[in-house]
Amino acid sequence: MKYRGLLLLAVGVLTFGSLATAQSSQEFADKEGKFKLTLSGEWKPVTYSDAVGRQKTEFVYRDRSEGLLKISKETLAGSLADLIRQEEENLKIYRSGFEGASREPFGGGPLSGIRLSFYTVDSGRRAANTYYYLQDKNAVWVLRFTGKRGSLDTIRNLTDQIARSFQSL
């Protein structure tokens, strides 16, 4: 009986802890980059000045090796599928140990597009990469998530939530 009480207490603490982490979210708006998104879980913004003095923001999950998000905007010259096909060819050539994983339609938020996930070798370590290509009229926002293989893979629900919350301003 007393073990049952301890077991219930442990389950309650673990459940509450995971719910608190899963429910914690923070909206982030980048007026210079002209976008906003909602960060879920342990994702945090890190703002710095680049070599030219421009303000840049990246997003980190726990530490940079576990999860890093960089956001860029590109002009769409042709179709989204053509852009992704060309990028995938470039990744095969320029990223060491490129191993394709999956390409799938992505939506559910204000912008929709394609989710591309793959593996590479970065500085001798195996890395997981998930890129979200979100079409916004004649532009494409690219959300590039990178992290340790096994770490980034386990937080797909968080990366999907962040990508679904993404909006251009």
Protein backbone atom coordinates (compact mmCIF):
# COMPACT_ATOMS: atom_id res chain seq x y z
CA MET A 1 0.00 0.00 0.00
CA LYS A 2 2.67 2.52 0.90
CA TYR A 3 4.52 1.77 -2.38
CA ARG A 4 1.31 2.44 -4.28
CA GLY A 5 1.07 5.89 -2.69
CA LEU A 6 4.69 6.65 -3.61
CA LEU A 7 4.09 5.43 -7.13
CA LEU A 8 1.03 7.66 -7.52
CA LEU A 9 2.97 10.63 -6.14
CA ALA A 10 5.85 10.00 -8.56
CA VAL A 11 3.48 9.69 -11.53
CA GLY A 12 1.72 12.90 -10.47
CA VAL A 13 4.98 14.85 -10.19
CA LEU A 14 6.22 13.58 -13.57
CA THR A 15 2.91 14.34 -15.26
CA PHE A 16 2.71 17.84 -13.80
CA GLY A 17 6.33 18.53 -14.76
CA SER A 18 5.84 17.42 -18.34
CA LEU A 19 2.58 19.36 -18.66
CA ALA A 20 4.23 22.51 -17.32
CA THR A 21 7.03 22.16 -19.88
CA ALA A 22 4.65 21.33 -22.73
CA GLN A 23 2.29 24.19 -21.90
CA SER A 24 4.93 26.87 -21.39
CA SER A 25 5.01 29.07 -24.44
CA GLN A 26 6.32 32.49 -25.26
CA GLU A 27 5.44 34.69 -28.21
CA PHE A 28 8.40 36.30 -29.95
CA ALA A 29 8.12 39.11 -32.50
CA ASP A 30 11.07 40.27 -34.59
CA LYS A 31 10.14 43.68 -35.97
CA GLU A 32 13.36 43.92 -38.05
CA GLY A 33 12.97 40.41 -39.48
CA LYS A 34 9.23 41.02 -39.89
CA PHE A 35 7.98 37.79 -38.35
CA LYS A 36 6.54 36.42 -35.15
CA LEU A 37 6.22 32.95 -33.68
CA THR A 38 5.38 31.16 -30.46
CA LEU A 39 8.20 29.29 -28.74
CA SER A 40 7.15 26.11 -26.96
CA GLY A 41 8.91 24.09 -24.30
CA GLU A 42 12.51 25.08 -23.58
CA TRP A 43 13.12 27.09 -26.76
CA LYS A 44 14.60 30.54 -26.04
CA PRO A 45 15.54 33.47 -28.30
CA VAL A 46 19.19 34.55 -28.43
CA THR A 47 19.79 37.99 -29.95
CA TYR A 48 23.20 39.24 -31.04
CA SER A 49 24.85 41.66 -33.48
CA ASP A 50 26.56 40.19 -36.53
CA ALA A 51 29.93 41.36 -37.91
CA VAL A 52 28.26 44.27 -39.73
CA GLY A 53 26.32 45.36 -36.64
CA ARG A 54 22.90 44.07 -37.71
CA GLN A 55 20.67 42.60 -35.03
CA LYS A 56 20.18 38.84 -35.49
CA THR A 57 18.08 36.35 -33.52
CA GLU A 58 18.49 32.61 -33.30
CA PHE A 59 16.52 30.24 -31.13
CA VAL A 60 18.09 27.62 -28.89
CA TYR A 61 16.64 24.49 -27.30
CA ARG A 62 18.51 23.93 -24.00
CA ASP A 63 21.91 24.49 -25.69
CA ARG A 64 22.95 24.98 -29.32
CA SER A 65 23.95 21.35 -29.81
CA GLU A 66 20.52 20.01 -28.80
CA GLY A 67 18.48 22.40 -30.91
CA LEU A 68 19.13 25.54 -32.95
CA LEU A 69 16.66 27.42 -35.15
CA LYS A 70 17.72 29.94 -37.78
CA ILE A 71 15.13 31.76 -39.88
CA SER A 72 15.61 33.29 -43.32
CA LYS A 73 13.39 34.69 -46.06
CA GLU A 74 13.99 33.99 -49.75
CA THR A 75 12.33 35.24 -52.91
CA LEU A 76 10.46 32.52 -54.75
CA ALA A 77 11.50 32.54 -58.42
CA GLY A 78 9.69 29.37 -59.55
CA SER A 79 7.64 26.84 -57.64
CA LEU A 80 8.20 25.83 -54.02
CA ALA A 81 8.84 22.22 -55.12
CA ASP A 82 11.59 23.40 -57.51
CA LEU A 83 13.24 25.48 -54.78
CA ILE A 84 13.28 22.52 -52.38
CA ARG A 85 14.54 20.12 -55.06
CA GLN A 86 17.44 22.51 -55.82
CA GLU A 87 18.23 22.97 -52.13
CA GLU A 88 18.22 19.22 -51.57
CA GLU A 89 20.70 18.79 -54.45
CA ASN A 90 22.95 21.46 -52.90
CA LEU A 91 22.73 19.77 -49.50
CA LYS A 92 23.80 16.44 -51.04
CA ILE A 93 26.87 18.13 -52.53
CA TYR A 94 27.91 20.50 -49.72
CA ARG A 95 26.81 18.81 -46.48
CA SER A 96 29.00 15.98 -45.27
CA GLY A 97 27.28 12.63 -44.73
CA PHE A 98 23.94 13.79 -46.15
CA GLU A 99 21.31 11.13 -45.57
CA GLY A 100 17.79 11.97 -46.74
CA ALA A 101 14.98 11.16 -44.39
CA SER A 102 11.63 12.57 -45.47
CA ARG A 103 9.82 15.29 -47.38
CA GLU A 104 6.17 15.95 -46.59
CA PRO A 105 3.48 18.63 -46.97
CA PHE A 106 3.19 20.87 -43.93
CA GLY A 107 0.33 23.10 -42.82
CA GLY A 108 -2.03 23.90 -40.01
CA GLY A 109 -0.92 27.49 -39.42
CA PRO A 110 -1.15 30.81 -41.24
CA LEU A 111 1.45 29.62 -43.79
CA SER A 112 1.82 26.21 -45.36
CA GLY A 113 4.57 24.51 -47.29
CA ILE A 114 6.94 21.56 -47.09
CA ARG A 115 8.80 19.91 -44.18
CA LEU A 116 12.16 18.38 -45.13
CA SER A 117 14.14 16.32 -42.65
CA PHE A 118 17.57 14.77 -43.15
CA TYR A 119 20.78 13.80 -41.37
CA THR A 120 24.33 15.06 -41.82
CA VAL A 121 27.70 14.89 -40.13
CA ASP A 122 28.75 18.18 -38.54
CA SER A 123 32.25 18.46 -36.98
CA GLY A 124 32.44 14.69 -36.73
CA ARG A 125 29.06 14.34 -34.96
CA ARG A 126 25.85 13.07 -36.50
CA ALA A 127 23.27 15.83 -36.73
CA ALA A 128 19.53 15.90 -37.40
CA ASN A 129 18.10 18.68 -39.55
CA THR A 130 14.51 19.70 -40.12
CA TYR A 131 13.72 22.55 -42.51
CA TYR A 132 10.25 24.05 -42.88
CA TYR A 133 9.66 25.92 -46.15
CA LEU A 134 6.62 28.15 -45.59
CA GLN A 135 5.27 29.96 -48.64
CA ASP A 136 4.13 33.56 -48.22
CA LYS A 137 2.96 34.83 -51.64
CA ASN A 138 6.16 35.27 -53.72
CA ALA A 139 8.47 34.59 -50.80
CA VAL A 140 9.48 31.56 -48.75
CA TRP A 141 10.33 31.62 -45.07
CA VAL A 142 12.81 28.87 -44.19
CA LEU A 143 12.93 27.68 -40.59
CA ARG A 144 16.13 25.62 -40.22
CA PHE A 145 16.19 23.44 -37.12
CA THR A 146 19.44 21.57 -36.38
CA GLY A 147 20.53 19.48 -33.42
CA LYS A 148 22.02 16.24 -32.19
CA ARG A 149 20.64 13.15 -33.82
CA GLY A 150 18.27 11.65 -31.27
CA SER A 151 17.70 14.97 -29.49
CA LEU A 152 16.05 16.99 -32.26
CA ASP A 153 14.14 13.89 -33.40
CA THR A 154 12.38 13.57 -30.03
CA ILE A 155 11.01 17.14 -30.02
CA ARG A 156 9.29 17.08 -33.41
CA ASN A 157 6.02 18.08 -31.73
CA LEU A 158 7.69 21.31 -30.53
CA THR A 159 9.30 22.14 -33.88
CA ASP A 160 5.97 21.52 -35.63
CA GLN A 161 4.18 23.81 -33.11
CA ILE A 162 6.73 26.58 -33.65
CA ALA A 163 6.45 26.28 -37.45
CA ARG A 164 2.65 26.30 -37.29
CA SER A 165 2.70 29.46 -35.15
CA PHE A 166 5.01 31.31 -37.58
CA GLN A 167 3.59 34.48 -39.16
CA SER A 168 5.06 37.23 -41.32
CA LEU A 169 4.39 40.79 -40.17
